[in-house]
Amino acid sequence: TLQEPRPFGLCRGEFHVPDDFDDPLPEYLIMSYPVKYIF
């Protein structure tokens, strides 16, 4: 069934995206993933 699109800004003010959201992950966190997921 088709649904109406959700309105833009539906969750405005419910959560905050930090300024460093797009920063690279720290090395220790990258190294904690299995090798097959790194490349």
Protein backbone atom coordinates (compact mmCIF):
# COMPACT_ATOMS: atom_id res chain seq x y z
CA THR A 1 0.00 0.00 0.00
CA LEU A 2 1.19 3.50 -0.74
CA GLN A 3 1.55 5.89 2.15
CA GLU A 4 1.72 9.65 2.14
CA PRO A 5 5.28 10.95 2.51
CA ARG A 6 6.28 12.03 5.97
CA PRO A 7 6.37 15.78 6.42
CA PHE A 8 9.79 17.46 6.29
CA GLY A 9 11.08 18.24 9.79
CA LEU A 10 8.83 15.69 11.51
CA CYS A 11 11.36 15.05 14.31
CA ARG A 12 12.70 18.60 14.53
CA GLY A 13 13.95 19.33 18.05
CA GLU A 14 13.77 15.70 19.23
CA PHE A 15 17.49 14.99 18.91
CA HIS A 16 20.77 16.78 18.25
CA VAL A 17 23.41 15.81 15.68
CA PRO A 18 26.81 16.80 17.11
CA ASP A 19 29.14 19.03 15.09
CA ASP A 20 31.74 16.22 14.89
CA PHE A 21 29.26 13.71 13.41
CA ASP A 22 31.15 13.49 10.10
CA ASP A 23 34.64 13.40 11.62
CA PRO A 24 36.73 10.28 10.96
CA LEU A 25 36.38 7.50 13.51
CA PRO A 26 39.21 7.09 16.04
CA GLU A 27 41.84 4.51 15.10
CA TYR A 28 41.00 2.25 18.08
CA LEU A 29 37.39 2.01 16.91
CA ILE A 30 38.32 1.27 13.30
CA MET A 31 40.68 -1.47 14.44
CA SER A 32 37.91 -3.11 16.51
CA TYR A 33 36.00 -4.08 13.32
CA PRO A 34 36.79 -7.35 11.57
CA VAL A 35 39.17 -6.81 8.65
CA LYS A 36 36.55 -7.78 6.05
CA TYR A 37 34.54 -4.65 6.95
CA ILE A 38 37.42 -2.16 6.82
CA PHE A 39 38.06 -2.24 3.07
